[in-house]
Amino acid sequence: ALSKDNVNMKVSTLMKLRRDSLMSLT
């Protein structure tokens, strides 16, 4: 849902996401 909000996340934040959550993203 957040991916639709133009949040401009840093890659360093992406790497700290829950592993199962990251793997579920397209």
PDB file of all heavy atoms in Angstrom:
ATOM      1  N   ALA A   1       0.838  -1.200   0.000  1.00  0.00           N
ATOM      2  CA  ALA A   1       0.000   0.000   0.000  1.00  0.00           C
ATOM      3  C   ALA A   1       0.872   1.249   0.000  1.00  0.00           C
ATOM      4  O   ALA A   1       0.571   2.231  -0.693  1.00  0.00           O
ATOM      5  CB  ALA A   1      -0.908  -0.011   1.227  1.00  0.00           C
ATOM      6  N   LEU A   2       1.973   1.204   0.734  1.00  0.00           N
ATOM      7  CA  LEU A   2       2.876   2.349   0.821  1.00  0.00           C
ATOM      8  C   LEU A   2       3.564   2.624  -0.512  1.00  0.00           C
ATOM      9  O   LEU A   2       3.939   3.764  -0.806  1.00  0.00           O
ATOM     10  CB  LEU A   2       3.922   2.081   1.901  1.00  0.00           C
ATOM     11  CG  LEU A   2       4.614   3.283   2.562  1.00  0.00           C
ATOM     12  CD1 LEU A   2       3.598   4.188   3.232  1.00  0.00           C
ATOM     13  CD2 LEU A   2       5.641   2.801   3.577  1.00  0.00           C
ATOM     14  N   SER A   3       3.720   1.589  -1.338  1.00  0.00           N
ATOM     15  CA  SER A   3       4.401   1.758  -2.627  1.00  0.00           C
ATOM     16  C   SER A   3       3.629   2.655  -3.584  1.00  0.00           C
ATOM     17  O   SER A   3       4.168   3.108  -4.597  1.00  0.00           O
ATOM     18  CB  SER A   3       4.633   0.384  -3.282  1.00  0.00           C
ATOM     19  OG  SER A   3       3.408  -0.184  -3.720  1.00  0.00           O
ATOM     20  N   LYS A   4       2.375   2.927  -3.269  1.00  0.00           N
ATOM     21  CA  LYS A   4       1.543   3.781  -4.117  1.00  0.00           C
ATOM     22  C   LYS A   4       1.562   5.237  -3.687  1.00  0.00           C
ATOM     23  O   LYS A   4       0.895   6.081  -4.294  1.00  0.00           O
ATOM     24  CB  LYS A   4       0.100   3.265  -4.103  1.00  0.00           C
ATOM     25  CG  LYS A   4      -0.033   1.809  -4.544  1.00  0.00           C
ATOM     26  CD  LYS A   4      -1.458   1.302  -4.372  1.00  0.00           C
ATOM     27  CE  LYS A   4      -1.570  -0.172  -4.732  1.00  0.00           C
ATOM     28  NZ  LYS A   4      -2.948  -0.691  -4.510  1.00  0.00           N
ATOM     29  N   ASP A   5       2.338   5.544  -2.634  1.00  0.00           N
ATOM     30  CA  ASP A   5       2.293   6.881  -2.051  1.00  0.00           C
ATOM     31  C   ASP A   5       3.512   7.746  -2.349  1.00  0.00           C
ATOM     32  O   ASP A   5       3.681   8.811  -1.734  1.00  0.00           O
ATOM     33  CB  ASP A   5       2.121   6.777  -0.525  1.00  0.00           C
ATOM     34  CG  ASP A   5       0.784   6.179  -0.139  1.00  0.00           C
ATOM     35  OD1 ASP A   5      -0.142   6.205  -0.975  1.00  0.00           O
ATOM     36  OD2 ASP A   5       0.666   5.669   0.992  1.00  0.00           O
ATOM     37  N   ASN A   6       4.389   7.306  -3.259  1.00  0.00           N
ATOM     38  CA  ASN A   6       5.562   8.106  -3.636  1.00  0.00           C
ATOM     39  C   ASN A   6       6.381   8.543  -2.419  1.00  0.00           C
ATOM     40  O   ASN A   6       6.644   9.731  -2.198  1.00  0.00           O
ATOM     41  CB  ASN A   6       5.121   9.358  -4.432  1.00  0.00           C
ATOM     42  CG  ASN A   6       4.373   9.009  -5.693  1.00  0.00           C
ATOM     43  OD1 ASN A   6       4.779   8.124  -6.445  1.00  0.00           O
ATOM     44  ND2 ASN A   6       3.256   9.697  -5.930  1.00  0.00           N
ATOM     45  N   VAL A   7       6.815   7.559  -1.625  1.00  0.00           N
ATOM     46  CA  VAL A   7       7.502   7.876  -0.374  1.00  0.00           C
ATOM     47  C   VAL A   7       9.013   8.046  -0.548  1.00  0.00           C
ATOM     48  O   VAL A   7       9.695   8.541   0.360  1.00  0.00           O
ATOM     49  CB  VAL A   7       7.237   6.790   0.684  1.00  0.00           C
ATOM     50  CG1 VAL A   7       5.772   6.765   1.036  1.00  0.00           C
ATOM     51  CG2 VAL A   7       7.689   5.413   0.201  1.00  0.00           C
ATOM     52  N   ASN A   8       9.576   7.604  -1.691  1.00  0.00           N
ATOM     53  CA  ASN A   8      11.015   7.735  -1.951  1.00  0.00           C
ATOM     54  C   ASN A   8      11.854   7.117  -0.826  1.00  0.00           C
ATOM     55  O   ASN A   8      12.723   7.756  -0.229  1.00  0.00           O
ATOM     56  CB  ASN A   8      11.399   9.200  -2.157  1.00  0.00           C
ATOM     57  CG  ASN A   8      10.743   9.798  -3.385  1.00  0.00           C
ATOM     58  OD1 ASN A   8      10.639   9.157  -4.433  1.00  0.00           O
ATOM     59  ND2 ASN A   8      10.268  11.035  -3.274  1.00  0.00           N
ATOM     60  N   MET A   9      11.594   5.858  -0.547  1.00  0.00           N
ATOM     61  CA  MET A   9      12.328   5.136   0.493  1.00  0.00           C
ATOM     62  C   MET A   9      13.796   4.973   0.109  1.00  0.00           C
ATOM     63  O   MET A   9      14.126   4.780  -1.057  1.00  0.00           O
ATOM     64  CB  MET A   9      11.695   3.748   0.680  1.00  0.00           C
ATOM     65  CG  MET A   9      12.389   2.858   1.694  1.00  0.00           C
ATOM     66  SD  MET A   9      11.663   1.171   1.745  1.00  0.00           S
ATOM     67  CE  MET A   9      10.083   1.518   2.521  1.00  0.00           C
ATOM     68  N   LYS A  10      14.674   5.036   1.094  1.00  0.00           N
ATOM     69  CA  LYS A  10      16.088   4.784   0.856  1.00  0.00           C
ATOM     70  C   LYS A  10      16.332   3.272   0.770  1.00  0.00           C
ATOM     71  O   LYS A  10      15.645   2.493   1.426  1.00  0.00           O
ATOM     72  CB  LYS A  10      16.930   5.386   1.982  1.00  0.00           C
ATOM     73  CG  LYS A  10      16.863   6.903   2.087  1.00  0.00           C
ATOM     74  CD  LYS A  10      17.703   7.398   3.251  1.00  0.00           C
ATOM     75  CE  LYS A  10      17.625   8.906   3.364  1.00  0.00           C
ATOM     76  NZ  LYS A  10      18.402   9.405   4.532  1.00  0.00           N
ATOM     77  N   VAL A  11      17.330   2.880  -0.006  1.00  0.00           N
ATOM     78  CA  VAL A  11      17.640   1.454  -0.137  1.00  0.00           C
ATOM     79  C   VAL A  11      18.085   0.883   1.207  1.00  0.00           C
ATOM     80  O   VAL A  11      17.803  -0.275   1.528  1.00  0.00           O
ATOM     81  CB  VAL A  11      18.721   1.215  -1.209  1.00  0.00           C
ATOM     82  CG1 VAL A  11      19.093  -0.260  -1.283  1.00  0.00           C
ATOM     83  CG2 VAL A  11      18.244   1.697  -2.569  1.00  0.00           C
ATOM     84  N   SER A  12      18.767   1.697   2.016  1.00  0.00           N
ATOM     85  CA  SER A  12      19.189   1.238   3.339  1.00  0.00           C
ATOM     86  C   SER A  12      17.989   0.872   4.203  1.00  0.00           C
ATOM     87  O   SER A  12      18.055  -0.055   5.021  1.00  0.00           O
ATOM     88  CB  SER A  12      20.030   2.308   4.037  1.00  0.00           C
ATOM     89  OG  SER A  12      19.309   3.536   4.125  1.00  0.00           O
ATOM     90  N   THR A  13      16.871   1.563   4.024  1.00  0.00           N
ATOM     91  CA  THR A  13      15.643   1.225   4.742  1.00  0.00           C
ATOM     92  C   THR A  13      15.035  -0.046   4.169  1.00  0.00           C
ATOM     93  O   THR A  13      14.552  -0.907   4.911  1.00  0.00           O
ATOM     94  CB  THR A  13      14.623   2.377   4.646  1.00  0.00           C
ATOM     95  OG1 THR A  13      15.190   3.564   5.212  1.00  0.00           O
ATOM     96  CG2 THR A  13      13.331   2.036   5.378  1.00  0.00           C
ATOM     97  N   LEU A  14      15.068  -0.179   2.842  1.00  0.00           N
ATOM     98  CA  LEU A  14      14.547  -1.379   2.180  1.00  0.00           C
ATOM     99  C   LEU A  14      15.241  -2.630   2.701  1.00  0.00           C
ATOM    100  O   LEU A  14      14.609  -3.663   2.917  1.00  0.00           O
ATOM    101  CB  LEU A  14      14.735  -1.262   0.667  1.00  0.00           C
ATOM    102  CG  LEU A  14      14.133  -2.377  -0.190  1.00  0.00           C
ATOM    103  CD1 LEU A  14      12.618  -2.215  -0.280  1.00  0.00           C
ATOM    104  CD2 LEU A  14      14.733  -2.368  -1.599  1.00  0.00           C
ATOM    105  N   MET A  15      16.540  -2.540   2.944  1.00  0.00           N
ATOM    106  CA  MET A  15      17.313  -3.690   3.384  1.00  0.00           C
ATOM    107  C   MET A  15      16.985  -4.094   4.814  1.00  0.00           C
ATOM    108  O   MET A  15      17.271  -5.225   5.225  1.00  0.00           O
ATOM    109  CB  MET A  15      18.812  -3.400   3.264  1.00  0.00           C
ATOM    110  CG  MET A  15      19.287  -3.253   1.837  1.00  0.00           C
ATOM    111  SD  MET A  15      21.078  -3.064   1.739  1.00  0.00           S
ATOM    112  CE  MET A  15      21.635  -4.673   2.276  1.00  0.00           C
ATOM    113  N   LYS A  16      16.376  -3.198   5.582  1.00  0.00           N
ATOM    114  CA  LYS A  16      16.061  -3.488   6.982  1.00  0.00           C
ATOM    115  C   LYS A  16      14.626  -3.967   7.157  1.00  0.00           C
ATOM    116  O   LYS A  16      14.184  -4.202   8.285  1.00  0.00           O
ATOM    117  CB  LYS A  16      16.296  -2.240   7.833  1.00  0.00           C
ATOM    118  CG  LYS A  16      17.753  -1.800   7.886  1.00  0.00           C
ATOM    119  CD  LYS A  16      17.917  -0.506   8.660  1.00  0.00           C
ATOM    120  CE  LYS A  16      19.364  -0.024   8.657  1.00  0.00           C
ATOM    121  NZ  LYS A  16      19.505   1.274   9.361  1.00  0.00           N
ATOM    122  N   LEU A  17      13.896  -4.115   6.054  1.00  0.00           N
ATOM    123  CA  LEU A  17      12.518  -4.604   6.147  1.00  0.00           C
ATOM    124  C   LEU A  17      12.508  -6.061   6.581  1.00  0.00           C
ATOM    125  O   LEU A  17      13.506  -6.774   6.447  1.00  0.00           O
ATOM    126  CB  LEU A  17      11.818  -4.475   4.785  1.00  0.00           C
ATOM    127  CG  LEU A  17      11.666  -3.068   4.216  1.00  0.00           C
ATOM    128  CD1 LEU A  17      10.996  -3.128   2.850  1.00  0.00           C
ATOM    129  CD2 LEU A  17      10.875  -2.163   5.159  1.00  0.00           C
ATOM    130  N   ARG A  18      11.377  -6.500   7.078  1.00  0.00           N
ATOM    131  CA  ARG A  18      11.216  -7.916   7.388  1.00  0.00           C
ATOM    132  C   ARG A  18      11.496  -8.728   6.138  1.00  0.00           C
ATOM    133  O   ARG A  18      11.038  -8.383   5.048  1.00  0.00           O
ATOM    134  CB  ARG A  18       9.786  -8.194   7.867  1.00  0.00           C
ATOM    135  CG  ARG A  18       9.607  -8.091   9.350  1.00  0.00           C
ATOM    136  CD  ARG A  18       8.180  -8.188   9.784  1.00  0.00           C
ATOM    137  NE  ARG A  18       7.366  -9.155   9.060  1.00  0.00           N
ATOM    138  CZ  ARG A  18       6.094  -9.399   9.345  1.00  0.00           C
ATOM    139  NH1 ARG A  18       5.490  -8.731  10.323  1.00  0.00           N
ATOM    140  NH2 ARG A  18       5.406 -10.289   8.667  1.00  0.00           N
ATOM    141  N   ARG A  19      12.231  -9.810   6.283  1.00  0.00           N
ATOM    142  CA  ARG A  19      12.618 -10.600   5.112  1.00  0.00           C
ATOM    143  C   ARG A  19      11.408 -11.111   4.343  1.00  0.00           C
ATOM    144  O   ARG A  19      11.356 -11.018   3.117  1.00  0.00           O
ATOM    145  CB  ARG A  19      13.487 -11.773   5.547  1.00  0.00           C
ATOM    146  CG  ARG A  19      14.066 -12.566   4.387  1.00  0.00           C
ATOM    147  CD  ARG A  19      14.909 -13.713   4.887  1.00  0.00           C
ATOM    148  NE  ARG A  19      15.495 -14.439   3.778  1.00  0.00           N
ATOM    149  CZ  ARG A  19      16.614 -14.119   3.166  1.00  0.00           C
ATOM    150  NH1 ARG A  19      17.283 -13.058   3.564  1.00  0.00           N
ATOM    151  NH2 ARG A  19      17.088 -14.828   2.160  1.00  0.00           N
ATOM    152  N   ASP A  20      10.409 -11.641   5.062  1.00  0.00           N
ATOM    153  CA  ASP A  20       9.238 -12.165   4.369  1.00  0.00           C
ATOM    154  C   ASP A  20       8.463 -11.059   3.672  1.00  0.00           C
ATOM    155  O   ASP A  20       7.882 -11.275   2.602  1.00  0.00           O
ATOM    156  CB  ASP A  20       8.333 -12.922   5.347  1.00  0.00           C
ATOM    157  CG  ASP A  20       7.802 -12.022   6.458  1.00  0.00           C
ATOM    158  OD1 ASP A  20       8.551 -11.147   6.933  1.00  0.00           O
ATOM    159  OD2 ASP A  20       6.638 -12.194   6.864  1.00  0.00           O
ATOM    160  N   SER A  21       8.489  -9.855   4.255  1.00  0.00           N
ATOM    161  CA  SER A  21       7.792  -8.722   3.636  1.00  0.00           C
ATOM    162  C   SER A  21       8.497  -8.291   2.353  1.00  0.00           C
ATOM    163  O   SER A  21       7.850  -8.036   1.332  1.00  0.00           O
ATOM    164  CB  SER A  21       7.719  -7.550   4.617  1.00  0.00           C
ATOM    165  OG  SER A  21       6.984  -7.898   5.776  1.00  0.00           O
ATOM    166  N   LEU A  22       9.824  -8.217   2.409  1.00  0.00           N
ATOM    167  CA  LEU A  22      10.597  -7.823   1.224  1.00  0.00           C
ATOM    168  C   LEU A  22      10.407  -8.831   0.095  1.00  0.00           C
ATOM    169  O   LEU A  22      10.186  -8.453  -1.059  1.00  0.00           O
ATOM    170  CB  LEU A  22      12.077  -7.710   1.578  1.00  0.00           C
ATOM    171  CG  LEU A  22      13.038  -7.448   0.408  1.00  0.00           C
ATOM    172  CD1 LEU A  22      12.693  -6.137  -0.291  1.00  0.00           C
ATOM    173  CD2 LEU A  22      14.483  -7.431   0.890  1.00  0.00           C
ATOM    174  N   MET A  23      10.459 -10.116   0.417  1.00  0.00           N
ATOM    175  CA  MET A  23      10.352 -11.146  -0.607  1.00  0.00           C
ATOM    176  C   MET A  23       8.966 -11.185  -1.255  1.00  0.00           C
ATOM    177  O   MET A  23       8.801 -11.721  -2.351  1.00  0.00           O
ATOM    178  CB  MET A  23      10.680 -12.519  -0.019  1.00  0.00           C
ATOM    179  CG  MET A  23      12.105 -12.643   0.514  1.00  0.00           C
ATOM    180  SD  MET A  23      13.378 -12.205  -0.712  1.00  0.00           S
ATOM    181  CE  MET A  23      14.788 -11.900   0.360  1.00  0.00           C
ATOM    182  N   SER A  24       7.977 -10.609  -0.605  1.00  0.00           N
ATOM    183  CA  SER A  24       6.625 -10.605  -1.164  1.00  0.00           C
ATOM    184  C   SER A  24       6.404  -9.467  -2.157  1.00  0.00           C
ATOM    185  O   SER A  24       5.386  -9.431  -2.843  1.00  0.00           O
ATOM    186  CB  SER A  24       5.590 -10.490  -0.037  1.00  0.00           C
ATOM    187  OG  SER A  24       5.593  -9.181   0.536  1.00  0.00           O
ATOM    188  N   LEU A  25       7.371  -8.545  -2.252  1.00  0.00           N
ATOM    189  CA  LEU A  25       7.210  -7.376  -3.119  1.00  0.00           C
ATOM    190  C   LEU A  25       7.621  -7.681  -4.557  1.00  0.00           C
ATOM    191  O   LEU A  25       8.610  -8.375  -4.807  1.00  0.00           O
ATOM    192  CB  LEU A  25       8.055  -6.210  -2.593  1.00  0.00           C
ATOM    193  CG  LEU A  25       7.726  -5.705  -1.187  1.00  0.00           C
ATOM    194  CD1 LEU A  25       8.716  -4.625  -0.773  1.00  0.00           C
ATOM    195  CD2 LEU A  25       6.295  -5.167  -1.134  1.00  0.00           C
ATOM    196  N   THR A  26       6.883  -7.155  -5.505  1.00  0.00           N
ATOM    197  CA  THR A  26       7.213  -7.283  -6.922  1.00  0.00           C
ATOM    198  C   THR A  26       8.170  -6.163  -7.307  1.00  0.00           C
ATOM    199  O   THR A  26       8.303  -5.165  -6.595  1.00  0.00           O
ATOM    200  CB  THR A  26       5.948  -7.185  -7.781  1.00  0.00           C
ATOM    201  OG1 THR A  26       5.397  -5.847  -7.640  1.00  0.00           O
ATOM    202  CG2 THR A  26       4.900  -8.207  -7.351  1.00  0.00           C
TER     203      THR A  26
END
